[in-house]
């Protein structure tokens, strides 16, 4: 038995794919690659880093990924941990923006007390943020240049930009 998608459904799928491609093509940075690299490096040098990627759920925040060899991994954060509070400030219904404000925009590493919920059990984790390493900043710059300036990731290390 052969399954066929209705022609209208196929056209809709093609239109969605074409729209996504067009949006990707429009994602270009307006500054020069050199300017972007300098701004990113200046912005990230010494920046406090925890090493988690968060996801907003309704309501609240959960850990989506934990970076290898990060302060979060060493403090034993796990994927799926729900953030309940940071330094005594509730995040039960918080957003990623709320978390960033609580973490602080400072460039100095700091100690955080984070209350998480894991499998229905509350747990307090103390962690000290660290400054982003040069290698991590290099990766972030390379990713930006590749994604928004169509420059190969290895090109960001060359002196001619």
Protein backbone atom coordinates (compact mmCIF):
# COMPACT_ATOMS: atom_id res chain seq x y z
CA UNK A 1 0.00 0.00 0.00
CA UNK A 2 1.39 3.36 -1.01
CA UNK A 3 0.73 6.45 1.11
CA UNK A 4 0.50 9.80 -0.60
CA UNK A 5 0.43 13.20 0.95
CA UNK A 6 -2.29 15.40 -0.42
CA UNK A 7 -0.88 17.92 -2.85
CA UNK A 8 -1.96 20.88 -0.69
CA UNK A 9 -0.10 19.49 2.32
CA UNK A 10 3.02 19.00 0.21
CA UNK A 11 2.81 22.60 -1.04
CA UNK A 12 2.42 23.88 2.53
CA UNK A 13 5.50 21.92 3.63
CA UNK A 14 7.51 23.35 0.72
CA UNK A 15 6.35 26.88 1.53
CA UNK A 16 7.36 26.49 5.18
CA UNK A 17 10.80 25.19 4.15
CA UNK A 18 11.26 28.07 1.70
CA UNK A 19 10.25 30.62 4.35
CA UNK A 20 12.72 29.13 6.83
CA UNK A 21 15.47 29.28 4.19
CA UNK A 22 14.65 32.90 3.42
CA UNK A 23 14.73 33.80 7.12
CA UNK A 24 18.13 32.09 7.49
CA UNK A 25 19.44 34.05 4.50
CA UNK A 26 18.28 37.31 6.13
CA UNK A 27 20.23 36.56 9.32
CA UNK A 28 23.21 38.74 8.58
CA UNK A 29 25.04 40.98 10.96
CA UNK A 30 25.24 44.62 9.86
CA UNK A 31 28.67 45.27 11.39
CA UNK A 32 31.89 44.11 9.78
CA UNK A 33 33.32 40.78 10.87
CA UNK A 34 36.27 42.57 12.49
CA UNK A 35 33.98 44.90 14.46
CA UNK A 36 31.85 41.98 15.62
CA UNK A 37 34.86 39.99 16.72
CA UNK A 38 36.21 42.94 18.74
CA UNK A 39 32.83 43.67 20.34
CA UNK A 40 32.19 40.03 21.25
CA UNK A 41 35.66 39.62 22.76
CA UNK A 42 35.29 42.85 24.76
CA UNK A 43 31.83 41.90 25.97
CA UNK A 44 32.78 38.35 27.02
CA UNK A 45 36.28 38.81 28.45
CA UNK A 46 36.06 38.18 32.18
CA UNK A 47 32.30 37.51 31.99
CA UNK A 48 30.96 35.22 34.72
CA UNK A 49 29.84 31.84 33.35
CA UNK A 50 27.87 28.99 34.89
CA UNK A 51 27.69 26.53 32.00
CA UNK A 52 23.98 25.76 31.64
CA UNK A 53 21.52 26.37 28.87
CA UNK A 54 18.05 27.04 30.20
CA UNK A 55 14.65 26.42 28.72
CA UNK A 56 11.50 28.29 29.69
CA UNK A 57 8.59 26.07 30.59
CA UNK A 58 5.22 27.32 31.63
CA UNK A 59 5.85 28.31 34.39
CA UNK A 60 9.54 28.42 35.25
CA UNK A 61 12.95 27.31 34.00
CA UNK A 62 14.59 23.93 33.50
CA UNK A 63 18.16 23.07 32.57
CA UNK A 64 18.30 22.07 28.91
CA UNK A 65 22.06 21.35 28.71
CA UNK A 66 25.05 21.31 31.02
CA UNK A 67 28.37 22.23 29.41
CA UNK A 68 31.20 19.74 29.89
CA UNK A 69 33.91 20.80 32.35
CA UNK A 70 31.81 23.76 33.51
CA UNK A 71 31.09 25.04 37.00
CA UNK A 72 27.57 23.62 36.62
CA UNK A 73 28.85 20.14 35.76
CA UNK A 74 31.26 20.16 38.69
CA UNK A 75 28.41 21.24 41.00
CA UNK A 76 26.38 18.30 39.64
CA UNK A 77 23.54 20.10 37.91
CA UNK A 78 21.55 17.73 35.68
CA UNK A 79 19.48 18.15 32.55
CA UNK A 80 15.86 18.55 33.61
CA UNK A 81 16.60 20.22 36.95
CA UNK A 82 13.99 22.92 37.59
CA UNK A 83 15.29 26.20 39.01
CA UNK A 84 13.28 27.30 42.02
CA UNK A 85 15.45 30.10 43.47
CA UNK A 86 18.82 31.83 43.12
CA UNK A 87 20.38 33.39 46.22
CA UNK A 88 16.98 33.41 47.93
CA UNK A 89 15.10 35.04 45.03
CA UNK A 90 12.25 32.88 43.73
CA UNK A 91 12.30 31.64 40.14
CA UNK A 92 9.36 29.25 40.32
CA UNK A 93 7.66 31.25 37.57
CA UNK A 94 10.78 33.05 36.32
CA UNK A 95 12.11 33.64 32.83
CA UNK A 96 15.61 33.38 31.40
CA UNK A 97 15.82 37.16 31.64
CA UNK A 98 14.98 36.96 35.36
CA UNK A 99 17.74 34.38 35.84
CA UNK A 100 20.29 36.57 34.06
CA UNK A 101 19.36 39.53 36.26
CA UNK A 102 19.75 37.39 39.40
CA UNK A 103 23.05 36.02 38.18
CA UNK A 104 24.17 39.55 37.62
CA UNK A 105 25.71 41.19 34.63
CA UNK A 106 28.99 41.60 36.47
CA UNK A 107 32.25 40.53 34.93
CA UNK A 108 33.49 38.93 38.12
CA UNK A 109 32.89 35.33 39.14
CA UNK A 110 30.60 34.95 42.13
CA UNK A 111 29.13 32.33 44.41
CA UNK A 112 25.51 31.32 43.79
CA UNK A 113 23.12 29.30 45.94
CA UNK A 114 20.63 27.72 43.57
CA UNK A 115 17.59 25.81 44.77
CA UNK A 116 16.55 23.18 42.24
CA UNK A 117 13.80 20.61 42.03
CA UNK A 118 14.92 17.20 40.76
CA UNK A 119 12.39 14.35 40.51
CA UNK A 120 10.09 16.23 42.91
CA UNK A 121 12.80 16.71 45.57
CA UNK A 122 14.24 20.11 46.44
CA UNK A 123 18.03 20.39 46.59
CA UNK A 124 20.30 23.36 47.33
CA UNK A 125 23.42 23.56 45.15
CA UNK A 126 26.23 26.01 45.81
CA UNK A 127 28.33 26.90 42.78
CA UNK A 128 30.91 29.50 41.92
CA UNK A 129 30.74 30.98 38.44
CA UNK A 130 33.99 31.28 36.48
CA UNK A 131 35.27 33.66 33.85
CA UNK A 132 34.90 32.47 30.26
CA UNK A 133 38.15 30.99 28.97
CA UNK A 134 39.90 32.31 25.85
CA UNK A 135 39.11 29.04 24.06
CA UNK A 136 35.39 29.42 24.80
CA UNK A 137 35.40 33.02 23.60
CA UNK A 138 37.20 31.88 20.42
CA UNK A 139 34.44 29.30 19.82
CA UNK A 140 31.69 31.87 20.35
CA UNK A 141 33.38 34.32 17.96
CA UNK A 142 33.89 31.59 15.34
CA UNK A 143 30.26 30.50 15.63
CA UNK A 144 29.02 34.08 15.18
CA UNK A 145 31.26 34.71 12.18
CA UNK A 146 30.21 31.44 10.54
CA UNK A 147 26.51 31.99 11.18
CA UNK A 148 26.13 35.71 10.52
CA UNK A 149 29.06 36.61 8.29
CA UNK A 150 29.39 33.40 6.24
CA UNK A 151 33.03 33.07 7.31
CA UNK A 152 34.38 29.60 7.97
CA UNK A 153 34.94 28.86 11.66
CA UNK A 154 38.70 28.48 11.14
CA UNK A 155 38.91 31.92 9.51
CA UNK A 156 38.28 33.67 12.85
CA UNK A 157 41.75 32.68 13.99
CA UNK A 158 43.49 34.25 11.01
CA UNK A 159 44.89 37.76 11.46
CA UNK A 160 43.44 39.09 8.18
CA UNK A 161 39.88 40.20 8.91
